[in-house]
Structures are given as C-alpha cells and as structure tokens.
Amino acid sequence: MTASVSKMVVATGEGYTTIRDSTQWAREQGLDPLPAGGEADRMQSIMAAVLALHRRTESSEERHASEETMRCVIEAARAVSSSRWEALRPTDHELVPGGVVLGFLGLD
C-alpha cells in the first residue's frame, strides 16, 4: 500500500475525515481544490468508488483494493472539475454509493 492510499484509509477508516487531511490528500493527488467540507465528501466518494470497483474487478478473497484499482479511480477523478464534484455532493449528507461515483467518473 502506498503512502497515498494508506493516508486515505487511515483518514476514512474510522468513519470520519478531517478537512485538513482530505485537503492535503487532494493536493497530493493533483485534484482541483474544493470549498471546505467538499474535500472530505470527495475523499469519501473516491473511497466508495475504489471499493465498488474492487468488488467488481478483483478476487473476492482480496481484502484490500489493489494499487491499480486506486490509480484508475484517482486518474478518473483528476479529470473531473471541482464544479462537477460539487454537483455530485449529496444534499442530505449521506455517502454517495460507490456505483454512482463509478458512473460519474465514467468507470461503470
């Protein structure tokens, strides 16, 4: 697991993400900046997409998503403008399902 993936797992693994951690992670990944709160939502959406893609493409015995799966989702996420990410943000503060995020990124 790379440091980037490790940071993402640590930040989201307990069901929360700090704005500072998610903002730093987004910068490291080369993602367009989002307003406060948007970075945490995007990070959670990207993780949901990674998990959904992992379930679709990798062995069910594999516990962790591969680096290739992670890279695929992050590369697609880089191509999405901050205004489009803002449009994806849930209005009811629920996590956007991974399958929806995969479709949004064109990976379905």
PDB file of N, CA and C in Angstrom:
ATOM      1  N   MET A   1       0.844  -1.164   0.000  1.00  0.00           N
ATOM      2  CA  MET A   1       0.000   0.000   0.000  1.00  0.00           C
ATOM      3  C   MET A   1       0.894   1.234   0.000  1.00  0.00           C
ATOM      4  N   THR A   2       0.641   2.164  -0.919  1.00  0.00           N
ATOM      5  CA  THR A   2       1.454   3.379  -0.973  1.00  0.00           C
ATOM      6  C   THR A   2       1.061   4.312   0.162  1.00  0.00           C
ATOM      7  N   ALA A   3       1.883   5.308   0.393  1.00  0.00           N
ATOM      8  CA  ALA A   3       1.586   6.288   1.437  1.00  0.00           C
ATOM      9  C   ALA A   3       0.276   7.000   1.144  1.00  0.00           C
ATOM     10  N   SER A   4       0.008   7.270  -0.128  1.00  0.00           N
ATOM     11  CA  SER A   4      -1.217   7.967  -0.509  1.00  0.00           C
ATOM     12  C   SER A   4      -2.450   7.157  -0.144  1.00  0.00           C
ATOM     13  N   VAL A   5      -2.440   5.879  -0.509  1.00  0.00           N
ATOM     14  CA  VAL A   5      -3.571   5.013  -0.196  1.00  0.00           C
ATOM     15  C   VAL A   5      -3.672   4.823   1.305  1.00  0.00           C
ATOM     16  N   SER A   6      -2.543   4.652   1.958  1.00  0.00           N
ATOM     17  CA  SER A   6      -2.524   4.474   3.399  1.00  0.00           C
ATOM     18  C   SER A   6      -3.143   5.672   4.109  1.00  0.00           C
ATOM     19  N   LYS A   7      -2.795   6.890   3.679  1.00  0.00           N
ATOM     20  CA  LYS A   7      -3.375   8.092   4.284  1.00  0.00           C
ATOM     21  C   LYS A   7      -4.880   8.116   4.088  1.00  0.00           C
ATOM     22  N   MET A   8      -5.332   7.714   2.911  1.00  0.00           N
ATOM     23  CA  MET A   8      -6.758   7.727   2.630  1.00  0.00           C
ATOM     24  C   MET A   8      -7.479   6.722   3.524  1.00  0.00           C
ATOM     25  N   VAL A   9      -6.923   5.544   3.676  1.00  0.00           N
ATOM     26  CA  VAL A   9      -7.548   4.519   4.504  1.00  0.00           C
ATOM     27  C   VAL A   9      -7.592   4.962   5.958  1.00  0.00           C
ATOM     28  N   VAL A  10      -6.505   5.518   6.453  1.00  0.00           N
ATOM     29  CA  VAL A  10      -6.473   5.997   7.833  1.00  0.00           C
ATOM     30  C   VAL A  10      -7.495   7.108   8.028  1.00  0.00           C
ATOM     31  N   ALA A  11      -7.580   8.021   7.087  1.00  0.00           N
ATOM     32  CA  ALA A  11      -8.483   9.163   7.230  1.00  0.00           C
ATOM     33  C   ALA A  11      -9.946   8.751   7.151  1.00  0.00           C
ATOM     34  N   THR A  12     -10.266   7.715   6.384  1.00  0.00           N
ATOM     35  CA  THR A  12     -11.666   7.331   6.214  1.00  0.00           C
ATOM     36  C   THR A  12     -12.033   6.067   6.980  1.00  0.00           C
ATOM     37  N   GLY A  13     -11.056   5.349   7.481  1.00  0.00           N
ATOM     38  CA  GLY A  13     -11.293   4.052   8.090  1.00  0.00           C
ATOM     39  C   GLY A  13     -12.160   4.063   9.335  1.00  0.00           C
ATOM     40  N   GLU A  14     -12.212   5.142  10.058  1.00  0.00           N
ATOM     41  CA  GLU A  14     -12.997   5.200  11.275  1.00  0.00           C
ATOM     42  C   GLU A  14     -14.307   5.938  11.063  1.00  0.00           C
ATOM     43  N   GLY A  15     -14.691   6.149   9.820  1.00  0.00           N
ATOM     44  CA  GLY A  15     -15.965   6.787   9.548  1.00  0.00           C
ATOM     45  C   GLY A  15     -15.927   8.305   9.577  1.00  0.00           C
ATOM     46  N   TYR A  16     -14.760   8.882   9.638  1.00  0.00           N
ATOM     47  CA  TYR A  16     -14.663  10.339   9.600  1.00  0.00           C
ATOM     48  C   TYR A  16     -13.425  10.746   8.821  1.00  0.00           C
ATOM     49  N   THR A  17     -13.439  11.958   8.365  1.00  0.00           N
ATOM     50  CA  THR A  17     -12.289  12.518   7.667  1.00  0.00           C
ATOM     51  C   THR A  17     -12.160  13.963   8.110  1.00  0.00           C
ATOM     52  N   THR A  18     -10.964  14.401   8.455  1.00  0.00           N
ATOM     53  CA  THR A  18     -10.799  15.802   8.798  1.00  0.00           C
ATOM     54  C   THR A  18     -10.640  16.597   7.509  1.00  0.00           C
ATOM     55  N   ILE A  19     -11.093  17.816   7.529  1.00  0.00           N
ATOM     56  CA  ILE A  19     -10.979  18.676   6.352  1.00  0.00           C
ATOM     57  C   ILE A  19      -9.510  18.888   6.011  1.00  0.00           C
ATOM     58  N   ARG A  20      -8.675  19.090   7.012  1.00  0.00           N
ATOM     59  CA  ARG A  20      -7.247  19.299   6.760  1.00  0.00           C
ATOM     60  C   ARG A  20      -6.616  18.085   6.085  1.00  0.00           C
ATOM     61  N   ASP A  21      -6.895  16.886   6.589  1.00  0.00           N
ATOM     62  CA  ASP A  21      -6.333  15.670   5.992  1.00  0.00           C
ATOM     63  C   ASP A  21      -6.814  15.470   4.563  1.00  0.00           C
ATOM     64  N   SER A  22      -8.105  15.667   4.330  1.00  0.00           N
ATOM     65  CA  SER A  22      -8.638  15.442   2.984  1.00  0.00           C
ATOM     66  C   SER A  22      -8.155  16.510   2.012  1.00  0.00           C
ATOM     67  N   THR A  23      -7.975  17.738   2.481  1.00  0.00           N
ATOM     68  CA  THR A  23      -7.456  18.803   1.623  1.00  0.00           C
ATOM     69  C   THR A  23      -6.013  18.506   1.229  1.00  0.00           C
ATOM     70  N   GLN A  24      -5.213  18.074   2.187  1.00  0.00           N
ATOM     71  CA  GLN A  24      -3.821  17.726   1.897  1.00  0.00           C
ATOM     72  C   GLN A  24      -3.767  16.547   0.929  1.00  0.00           C
ATOM     73  N   TRP A  25      -4.579  15.527   1.162  1.00  0.00           N
ATOM     74  CA  TRP A  25      -4.588  14.350   0.293  1.00  0.00           C
ATOM     75  C   TRP A  25      -4.978  14.746  -1.133  1.00  0.00           C
ATOM     76  N   ALA A  26      -6.000  15.595  -1.286  1.00  0.00           N
ATOM     77  CA  ALA A  26      -6.445  16.030  -2.618  1.00  0.00           C
ATOM     78  C   ALA A  26      -5.324  16.760  -3.351  1.00  0.00           C
ATOM     79  N   ARG A  27      -4.599  17.626  -2.638  1.00  0.00           N
ATOM     80  CA  ARG A  27      -3.456  18.327  -3.247  1.00  0.00           C
ATOM     81  C   ARG A  27      -2.410  17.330  -3.720  1.00  0.00           C
ATOM     82  N   GLU A  28      -2.103  16.350  -2.884  1.00  0.00           N
ATOM     83  CA  GLU A  28      -1.099  15.340  -3.240  1.00  0.00           C
ATOM     84  C   GLU A  28      -1.509  14.538  -4.471  1.00  0.00           C
ATOM     85  N   GLN A  29      -2.810  14.378  -4.684  1.00  0.00           N
ATOM     86  CA  GLN A  29      -3.305  13.609  -5.830  1.00  0.00           C
ATOM     87  C   GLN A  29      -3.481  14.462  -7.084  1.00  0.00           C
ATOM     88  N   GLY A  30      -3.299  15.768  -6.960  1.00  0.00           N
ATOM     89  CA  GLY A  30      -3.450  16.654  -8.111  1.00  0.00           C
ATOM     90  C   GLY A  30      -4.899  16.925  -8.473  1.00  0.00           C
ATOM     91  N   LEU A  31      -5.793  16.874  -7.480  1.00  0.00           N
ATOM     92  CA  LEU A  31      -7.217  17.133  -7.710  1.00  0.00           C
ATOM     93  C   LEU A  31      -7.503  18.623  -7.579  1.00  0.00           C
ATOM     94  N   ASP A  32      -8.461  19.115  -8.378  1.00  0.00           N
ATOM     95  CA  ASP A  32      -8.877  20.514  -8.265  1.00  0.00           C
ATOM     96  C   ASP A  32      -9.361  20.785  -6.842  1.00  0.00           C
ATOM     97  N   PRO A  33      -9.014  21.946  -6.270  1.00  0.00           N
ATOM     98  CA  PRO A  33      -9.461  22.259  -4.909  1.00  0.00           C
ATOM     99  C   PRO A  33     -10.976  22.462  -4.838  1.00  0.00           C
ATOM    100  N   LEU A  34     -11.532  22.100  -3.689  1.00  0.00           N
ATOM    101  CA  LEU A  34     -12.956  22.293  -3.411  1.00  0.00           C
ATOM    102  C   LEU A  34     -13.107  23.144  -2.160  1.00  0.00           C
ATOM    103  N   PRO A  35     -14.288  23.750  -1.963  1.00  0.00           N
ATOM    104  CA  PRO A  35     -14.531  24.511  -0.736  1.00  0.00           C
ATOM    105  C   PRO A  35     -14.479  23.600   0.498  1.00  0.00           C
ATOM    106  N   ALA A  36     -14.383  24.213   1.666  1.00  0.00           N
ATOM    107  CA  ALA A  36     -14.348  23.458   2.923  1.00  0.00           C
ATOM    108  C   ALA A  36     -15.502  22.467   2.985  1.00  0.00           C
ATOM    109  N   GLY A  37     -15.218  21.295   3.428  1.00  0.00           N
ATOM    110  CA  GLY A  37     -16.234  20.253   3.505  1.00  0.00           C
ATOM    111  C   GLY A  37     -16.337  19.435   2.236  1.00  0.00           C
ATOM    112  N   GLY A  38     -16.117  20.070   1.106  1.00  0.00           N
ATOM    113  CA  GLY A  38     -16.192  19.368  -0.167  1.00  0.00           C
ATOM    114  C   GLY A  38     -15.087  18.348  -0.329  1.00  0.00           C
ATOM    115  N   GLU A  39     -13.906  18.665   0.208  1.00  0.00           N
ATOM    116  CA  GLU A  39     -12.772  17.740   0.099  1.00  0.00           C
ATOM    117  C   GLU A  39     -13.065  16.436   0.834  1.00  0.00           C
ATOM    118  N   ALA A  40     -13.637  16.544   2.027  1.00  0.00           N
ATOM    119  CA  ALA A  40     -13.958  15.334   2.794  1.00  0.00           C
ATOM    120  C   ALA A  40     -15.003  14.500   2.064  1.00  0.00           C
ATOM    121  N   ASP A  41     -16.027  15.154   1.522  1.00  0.00           N
ATOM    122  CA  ASP A  41     -17.056  14.431   0.763  1.00  0.00           C
ATOM    123  C   ASP A  41     -16.451  13.751  -0.460  1.00  0.00           C
ATOM    124  N   ARG A  42     -15.567  14.466  -1.176  1.00  0.00           N
ATOM    125  CA  ARG A  42     -14.953  13.884  -2.369  1.00  0.00           C
ATOM    126  C   ARG A  42     -14.079  12.693  -1.987  1.00  0.00           C
ATOM    127  N   MET A  43     -13.312  12.827  -0.924  1.00  0.00           N
ATOM    128  CA  MET A  43     -12.452  11.727  -0.494  1.00  0.00           C
ATOM    129  C   MET A  43     -13.292  10.488  -0.174  1.00  0.00           C
ATOM    130  N   GLN A  44     -14.404  10.675   0.506  1.00  0.00           N
ATOM    131  CA  GLN A  44     -15.282   9.556   0.827  1.00  0.00           C
ATOM    132  C   GLN A  44     -15.906   8.972  -0.441  1.00  0.00           C
ATOM    133  N   SER A  45     -16.263   9.830  -1.388  1.00  0.00           N
ATOM    134  CA  SER A  45     -16.817   9.349  -2.657  1.00  0.00           C
ATOM    135  C   SER A  45     -15.782   8.545  -3.437  1.00  0.00           C
ATOM    136  N   ILE A  46     -14.550   9.019  -3.453  1.00  0.00           N
ATOM    137  CA  ILE A  46     -13.489   8.297  -4.159  1.00  0.00           C
ATOM    138  C   ILE A  46     -13.255   6.944  -3.498  1.00  0.00           C
ATOM    139  N   MET A  47     -13.234   6.902  -2.170  1.00  0.00           N
ATOM    140  CA  MET A  47     -13.054   5.620  -1.480  1.00  0.00           C
ATOM    141  C   MET A  47     -14.218   4.678  -1.785  1.00  0.00           C
ATOM    142  N   ALA A  48     -15.440   5.196  -1.830  1.00  0.00           N
ATOM    143  CA  ALA A  48     -16.595   4.357  -2.172  1.00  0.00           C
ATOM    144  C   ALA A  48     -16.445   3.796  -3.582  1.00  0.00           C
ATOM    145  N   ALA A  49     -15.945   4.615  -4.499  1.00  0.00           N
ATOM    146  CA  ALA A  49     -15.729   4.158  -5.877  1.00  0.00           C
ATOM    147  C   ALA A  49     -14.633   3.097  -5.934  1.00  0.00           C
ATOM    148  N   VAL A  50     -13.561   3.289  -5.174  1.00  0.00           N
ATOM    149  CA  VAL A  50     -12.479   2.296  -5.134  1.00  0.00           C
ATOM    150  C   VAL A  50     -13.024   0.960  -4.635  1.00  0.00           C
ATOM    151  N   LEU A  51     -13.812   0.995  -3.575  1.00  0.00           N
ATOM    152  CA  LEU A  51     -14.368  -0.246  -3.034  1.00  0.00           C
ATOM    153  C   LEU A  51     -15.329  -0.906  -4.016  1.00  0.00           C
ATOM    154  N   ALA A  52     -16.159  -0.113  -4.683  1.00  0.00           N
ATOM    155  CA  ALA A  52     -17.094  -0.670  -5.670  1.00  0.00           C
ATOM    156  C   ALA A  52     -16.344  -1.295  -6.842  1.00  0.00           C
ATOM    157  N   LEU A  53     -15.315  -0.622  -7.335  1.00  0.00           N
ATOM    158  CA  LEU A  53     -14.527  -1.168  -8.441  1.00  0.00           C
ATOM    159  C   LEU A  53     -13.768  -2.419  -7.992  1.00  0.00           C
ATOM    160  N   HIS A  54     -13.268  -2.405  -6.782  1.00  0.00           N
ATOM    161  CA  HIS A  54     -12.578  -3.571  -6.215  1.00  0.00           C
ATOM    162  C   HIS A  54     -13.516  -4.782  -6.211  1.00  0.00           C
ATOM    163  N   ARG A  55     -14.744  -4.580  -5.762  1.00  0.00           N
ATOM    164  CA  ARG A  55     -15.715  -5.683  -5.730  1.00  0.00           C
ATOM    165  C   ARG A  55     -16.011  -6.214  -7.123  1.00  0.00           C
ATOM    166  N   ARG A  56     -16.031  -5.333  -8.105  1.00  0.00           N
ATOM    167  CA  ARG A  56     -16.360  -5.742  -9.478  1.00  0.00           C
ATOM    168  C   ARG A  56     -15.214  -6.431 -10.200  1.00  0.00           C
ATOM    169  N   THR A  57     -13.986  -6.040  -9.896  1.00  0.00           N
ATOM    170  CA  THR A  57     -12.868  -6.471 -10.745  1.00  0.00           C
ATOM    171  C   THR A  57     -11.847  -7.379 -10.081  1.00  0.00           C
ATOM    172  N   GLU A  58     -11.858  -7.476  -8.779  1.00  0.00           N
ATOM    173  CA  GLU A  58     -10.814  -8.241  -8.107  1.00  0.00           C
ATOM    174  C   GLU A  58     -11.396  -9.451  -7.396  1.00  0.00           C
ATOM    175  N   SER A  59     -10.540 -10.375  -7.059  1.00  0.00           N
ATOM    176  CA  SER A  59     -10.930 -11.593  -6.365  1.00  0.00           C
ATOM    177  C   SER A  59     -11.630 -11.260  -5.051  1.00  0.00           C
ATOM    178  N   SER A  60     -12.679 -11.992  -4.755  1.00  0.00           N
ATOM    179  CA  SER A  60     -13.421 -11.740  -3.517  1.00  0.00           C
ATOM    180  C   SER A  60     -12.582 -12.052  -2.275  1.00  0.00           C
ATOM    181  N   GLU A  61     -11.524 -12.839  -2.445  1.00  0.00           N
ATOM    182  CA  GLU A  61     -10.655 -13.145  -1.311  1.00  0.00           C
ATOM    183  C   GLU A  61      -9.684 -12.010  -0.997  1.00  0.00           C
ATOM    184  N   GLU A  62      -9.464 -11.109  -1.952  1.00  0.00           N
ATOM    185  CA  GLU A  62      -8.556  -9.981  -1.728  1.00  0.00           C
ATOM    186  C   GLU A  62      -9.211  -9.006  -0.756  1.00  0.00           C
ATOM    187  N   ARG A  63      -8.542  -8.756   0.343  1.00  0.00           N
ATOM    188  CA  ARG A  63      -9.090  -7.876   1.365  1.00  0.00           C
ATOM    189  C   ARG A  63      -8.951  -6.398   1.023  1.00  0.00           C
ATOM    190  N   HIS A  64      -7.869  -6.057   0.362  1.00  0.00           N
ATOM    191  CA  HIS A  64      -7.585  -4.656   0.051  1.00  0.00           C
ATOM    192  C   HIS A  64      -7.622  -4.431  -1.451  1.00  0.00           C
ATOM    193  N   ALA A  65      -8.077  -3.273  -1.835  1.00  0.00           N
ATOM    194  CA  ALA A  65      -8.065  -2.902  -3.257  1.00  0.00           C
ATOM    195  C   ALA A  65      -6.619  -2.756  -3.717  1.00  0.00           C
ATOM    196  N   SER A  66      -6.372  -3.116  -4.949  1.00  0.00           N
ATOM    197  CA  SER A  66      -5.014  -3.035  -5.491  1.00  0.00           C
ATOM    198  C   SER A  66      -4.631  -1.587  -5.782  1.00  0.00           C
ATOM    199  N   GLU A  67      -3.335  -1.379  -5.911  1.00  0.00           N
ATOM    200  CA  GLU A  67      -2.832  -0.056  -6.298  1.00  0.00           C
ATOM    201  C   GLU A  67      -3.386   0.327  -7.669  1.00  0.00           C
ATOM    202  N   GLU A  68      -3.505  -0.650  -8.554  1.00  0.00           N
ATOM    203  CA  GLU A  68      -4.031  -0.385  -9.898  1.00  0.00           C
ATOM    204  C   GLU A  68      -5.471   0.127  -9.831  1.00  0.00           C
ATOM    205  N   THR A  69      -6.284  -0.474  -8.982  1.00  0.00           N
ATOM    206  CA  THR A  69      -7.670  -0.024  -8.812  1.00  0.00           C
ATOM    207  C   THR A  69      -7.691   1.400  -8.280  1.00  0.00           C
ATOM    208  N   MET A  70      -6.871   1.661  -7.285  1.00  0.00           N
ATOM    209  CA  MET A  70      -6.790   3.002  -6.698  1.00  0.00           C
ATOM    210  C   MET A  70      -6.349   4.023  -7.742  1.00  0.00           C
ATOM    211  N   ARG A  71      -5.311   3.699  -8.498  1.00  0.00           N
ATOM    212  CA  ARG A  71      -4.812   4.621  -9.533  1.00  0.00           C
ATOM    213  C   ARG A  71      -5.880   4.899 -10.583  1.00  0.00           C
ATOM    214  N   CYS A  72      -6.600   3.869 -10.986  1.00  0.00           N
ATOM    215  CA  CYS A  72      -7.640   4.021 -12.005  1.00  0.00           C
ATOM    216  C   CYS A  72      -8.694   5.039 -11.560  1.00  0.00           C
ATOM    217  N   VAL A  73      -9.140   4.925 -10.330  1.00  0.00           N
ATOM    218  CA  VAL A  73     -10.171   5.838  -9.818  1.00  0.00           C
ATOM    219  C   VAL A  73      -9.604   7.246  -9.659  1.00  0.00           C
ATOM    220  N   ILE A  74      -8.402   7.379  -9.128  1.00  0.00           N
ATOM    221  CA  ILE A  74      -7.816   8.713  -8.935  1.00  0.00           C
ATOM    222  C   ILE A  74      -7.559   9.395 -10.272  1.00  0.00           C
ATOM    223  N   GLU A  75      -7.079   8.652 -11.259  1.00  0.00           N
ATOM    224  CA  GLU A  75      -6.869   9.250 -12.586  1.00  0.00           C
ATOM    225  C   GLU A  75      -8.184   9.767 -13.161  1.00  0.00           C
ATOM    226  N   ALA A  76      -9.247   8.999 -13.014  1.00  0.00           N
ATOM    227  CA  ALA A  76     -10.557   9.453 -13.492  1.00  0.00           C
ATOM    228  C   ALA A  76     -11.022  10.666 -12.687  1.00  0.00           C
ATOM    229  N   ALA A  77     -10.759  10.672 -11.388  1.00  0.00           N
ATOM    230  CA  ALA A  77     -11.169  11.788 -10.531  1.00  0.00           C
ATOM    231  C   ALA A  77     -10.450  13.078 -10.907  1.00  0.00           C
ATOM    232  N   ARG A  78      -9.207  12.973 -11.342  1.00  0.00           N
ATOM    233  CA  ARG A  78      -8.450  14.171 -11.752  1.00  0.00           C
ATOM    234  C   ARG A  78      -9.097  14.863 -12.949  1.00  0.00           C
ATOM    235  N   ALA A  79      -9.769  14.104 -13.784  1.00  0.00           N
ATOM    236  CA  ALA A  79     -10.376  14.663 -14.997  1.00  0.00           C
ATOM    237  C   ALA A  79     -11.693  15.387 -14.718  1.00  0.00           C
ATOM    238  N   VAL A  80     -12.166  15.326 -13.487  1.00  0.00           N
ATOM    239  CA  VAL A  80     -13.453  15.932 -13.132  1.00  0.00           C
ATOM    240  C   VAL A  80     -13.206  17.296 -12.488  1.00  0.00           C
ATOM    241  N   SER A  81     -13.878  18.310 -12.996  1.00  0.00           N
ATOM    242  CA  SER A  81     -13.710  19.671 -12.467  1.00  0.00           C
ATOM    243  C   SER A  81     -14.310  19.789 -11.068  1.00  0.00           C
ATOM    244  N   SER A  82     -13.854  20.784 -10.342  1.00  0.00           N
ATOM    245  CA  SER A  82     -14.379  20.999  -8.991  1.00  0.00           C
ATOM    246  C   SER A  82     -15.876  21.311  -9.022  1.00  0.00           C
ATOM    247  N   SER A  83     -16.349  21.998 -10.045  1.00  0.00           N
ATOM    248  CA  SER A  83     -17.786  22.304 -10.116  1.00  0.00           C
ATOM    249  C   SER A  83     -18.616  21.035 -10.310  1.00  0.00           C
ATOM    250  N   ARG A  84     -18.089  20.077 -11.066  1.00  0.00           N
ATOM    251  CA  ARG A  84     -18.807  18.799 -11.223  1.00  0.00           C
ATOM    252  C   ARG A  84     -18.795  18.002  -9.926  1.00  0.00           C
ATOM    253  N   TRP A  85     -17.669  18.045  -9.189  1.00  0.00           N
ATOM    254  CA  TRP A  85     -17.645  17.362  -7.891  1.00  0.00           C
ATOM    255  C   TRP A  85     -18.668  17.984  -6.952  1.00  0.00           C
ATOM    256  N   GLU A  86     -18.766  19.300  -6.970  1.00  0.00           N
ATOM    257  CA  GLU A  86     -19.746  19.975  -6.112  1.00  0.00           C
ATOM    258  C   GLU A  86     -21.165  19.527  -6.455  1.00  0.00           C
ATOM    259  N   ALA A  87     -21.439  19.319  -7.743  1.00  0.00           N
ATOM    260  CA  ALA A  87     -22.772  18.878  -8.164  1.00  0.00           C
ATOM    261  C   ALA A  87     -23.073  17.458  -7.676  1.00  0.00           C
ATOM    262  N   LEU A  88     -22.046  16.645  -7.498  1.00  0.00           N
ATOM    263  CA  LEU A  88     -22.238  15.267  -7.026  1.00  0.00           C
ATOM    264  C   LEU A  88     -22.503  15.208  -5.527  1.00  0.00           C
ATOM    265  N   ARG A  89     -22.032  16.199  -4.788  1.00  0.00           N
ATOM    266  CA  ARG A  89     -22.170  16.165  -3.324  1.00  0.00           C
ATOM    267  C   ARG A  89     -23.617  15.943  -2.930  1.00  0.00           C
ATOM    268  N   PRO A  90     -23.836  15.042  -1.999  1.00  0.00           N
ATOM    269  CA  PRO A  90     -25.205  14.751  -1.576  1.00  0.00           C
ATOM    270  C   PRO A  90     -25.806  15.925  -0.811  1.00  0.00           C
ATOM    271  N   THR A  91     -27.070  16.181  -1.064  1.00  0.00           N
ATOM    272  CA  THR A  91     -27.741  17.276  -0.366  1.00  0.00           C
ATOM    273  C   THR A  91     -28.228  16.845   1.009  1.00  0.00           C
ATOM    274  N   ASP A  92     -28.326  15.543   1.240  1.00  0.00           N
ATOM    275  CA  ASP A  92     -28.815  15.056   2.532  1.00  0.00           C
ATOM    276  C   ASP A  92     -27.692  14.516   3.420  1.00  0.00           C
ATOM    277  N   HIS A  93     -26.457  14.814   3.063  1.00  0.00           N
ATOM    278  CA  HIS A  93     -25.273  14.432   3.846  1.00  0.00           C
ATOM    279  C   HIS A  93     -25.085  12.921   3.968  1.00  0.00           C
ATOM    280  N   GLU A  94     -25.648  12.157   3.057  1.00  0.00           N
ATOM    281  CA  GLU A  94     -25.419  10.716   3.005  1.00  0.00           C
ATOM    282  C   GLU A  94     -24.274  10.444   2.045  1.00  0.00           C
ATOM    283  N   LEU A  95     -23.570   9.361   2.262  1.00  0.00           N
ATOM    284  CA  LEU A  95     -22.484   8.964   1.376  1.00  0.00           C
ATOM    285  C   LEU A  95     -23.056   8.571   0.024  1.00  0.00           C
ATOM    286  N   VAL A  96     -22.465   9.080  -1.038  1.00  0.00           N
ATOM    287  CA  VAL A  96     -22.879   8.711  -2.393  1.00  0.00           C
ATOM    288  C   VAL A  96     -22.405   7.278  -2.636  1.00  0.00           C
ATOM    289  N   PRO A  97     -23.297   6.364  -3.074  1.00  0.00           N
ATOM    290  CA  PRO A  97     -22.892   4.973  -3.303  1.00  0.00           C
ATOM    291  C   PRO A  97     -21.759   4.864  -4.321  1.00  0.00           C
ATOM    292  N   GLY A  98     -20.858   3.911  -4.092  1.00  0.00           N
ATOM    293  CA  GLY A  98     -19.700   3.719  -4.959  1.00  0.00           C
ATOM    294  C   GLY A  98     -20.058   3.514  -6.410  1.00  0.00           C
ATOM    295  N   GLY A  99     -21.134   2.765  -6.681  1.00  0.00           N
ATOM    296  CA  GLY A  99     -21.556   2.536  -8.062  1.00  0.00           C
ATOM    297  C   GLY A  99     -21.953   3.824  -8.756  1.00  0.00           C
ATOM    298  N   VAL A 100     -22.574   4.729  -8.018  1.00  0.00           N
ATOM    299  CA  VAL A 100     -22.952   6.036  -8.571  1.00  0.00           C
ATOM    300  C   VAL A 100     -21.696   6.832  -8.905  1.00  0.00           C
ATOM    301  N   VAL A 101     -20.711   6.801  -8.015  1.00  0.00           N
ATOM    302  CA  VAL A 101     -19.462   7.527  -8.250  1.00  0.00           C
ATOM    303  C   VAL A 101     -18.725   6.935  -9.450  1.00  0.00           C
ATOM    304  N   LEU A 102     -18.719   5.600  -9.579  1.00  0.00           N
ATOM    305  CA  LEU A 102     -18.080   4.979 -10.746  1.00  0.00           C
ATOM    306  C   LEU A 102     -18.730   5.470 -12.033  1.00  0.00           C
ATOM    307  N   GLY A 103     -20.057   5.545 -12.068  1.00  0.00           N
ATOM    308  CA  GLY A 103     -20.756   6.068 -13.242  1.00  0.00           C
ATOM    309  C   GLY A 103     -20.397   7.517 -13.503  1.00  0.00           C
ATOM    310  N   PHE A 104     -20.330   8.312 -12.446  1.00  0.00           N
ATOM    311  CA  PHE A 104     -19.967   9.720 -12.539  1.00  0.00           C
ATOM    312  C   PHE A 104     -18.574   9.879 -13.140  1.00  0.00           C
ATOM    313  N   LEU A 105     -17.665   8.970 -12.781  1.00  0.00           N
ATOM    314  CA  LEU A 105     -16.287   9.019 -13.278  1.00  0.00           C
ATOM    315  C   LEU A 105     -16.123   8.332 -14.632  1.00  0.00           C
ATOM    316  N   GLY A 106     -17.191   7.726 -15.134  1.00  0.00           N
ATOM    317  CA  GLY A 106     -17.120   7.028 -16.413  1.00  0.00           C
ATOM    318  C   GLY A 106     -16.442   5.673 -16.316  1.00  0.00           C
ATOM    319  N   LEU A 107     -16.460   5.069 -15.136  1.00  0.00           N
ATOM    320  CA  LEU A 107     -15.800   3.783 -14.925  1.00  0.00           C
ATOM    321  C   LEU A 107     -16.789   2.633 -14.749  1.00  0.00           C
ATOM    322  N   ASP A 108     -18.046   2.873 -15.051  1.00  0.00           N
ATOM    323  CA  ASP A 108     -19.030   1.801 -14.877  1.00  0.00           C
ATOM    324  C   ASP A 108     -19.064   0.977 -16.090  1.00  0.00           C
TER     325      ASP A 108
END
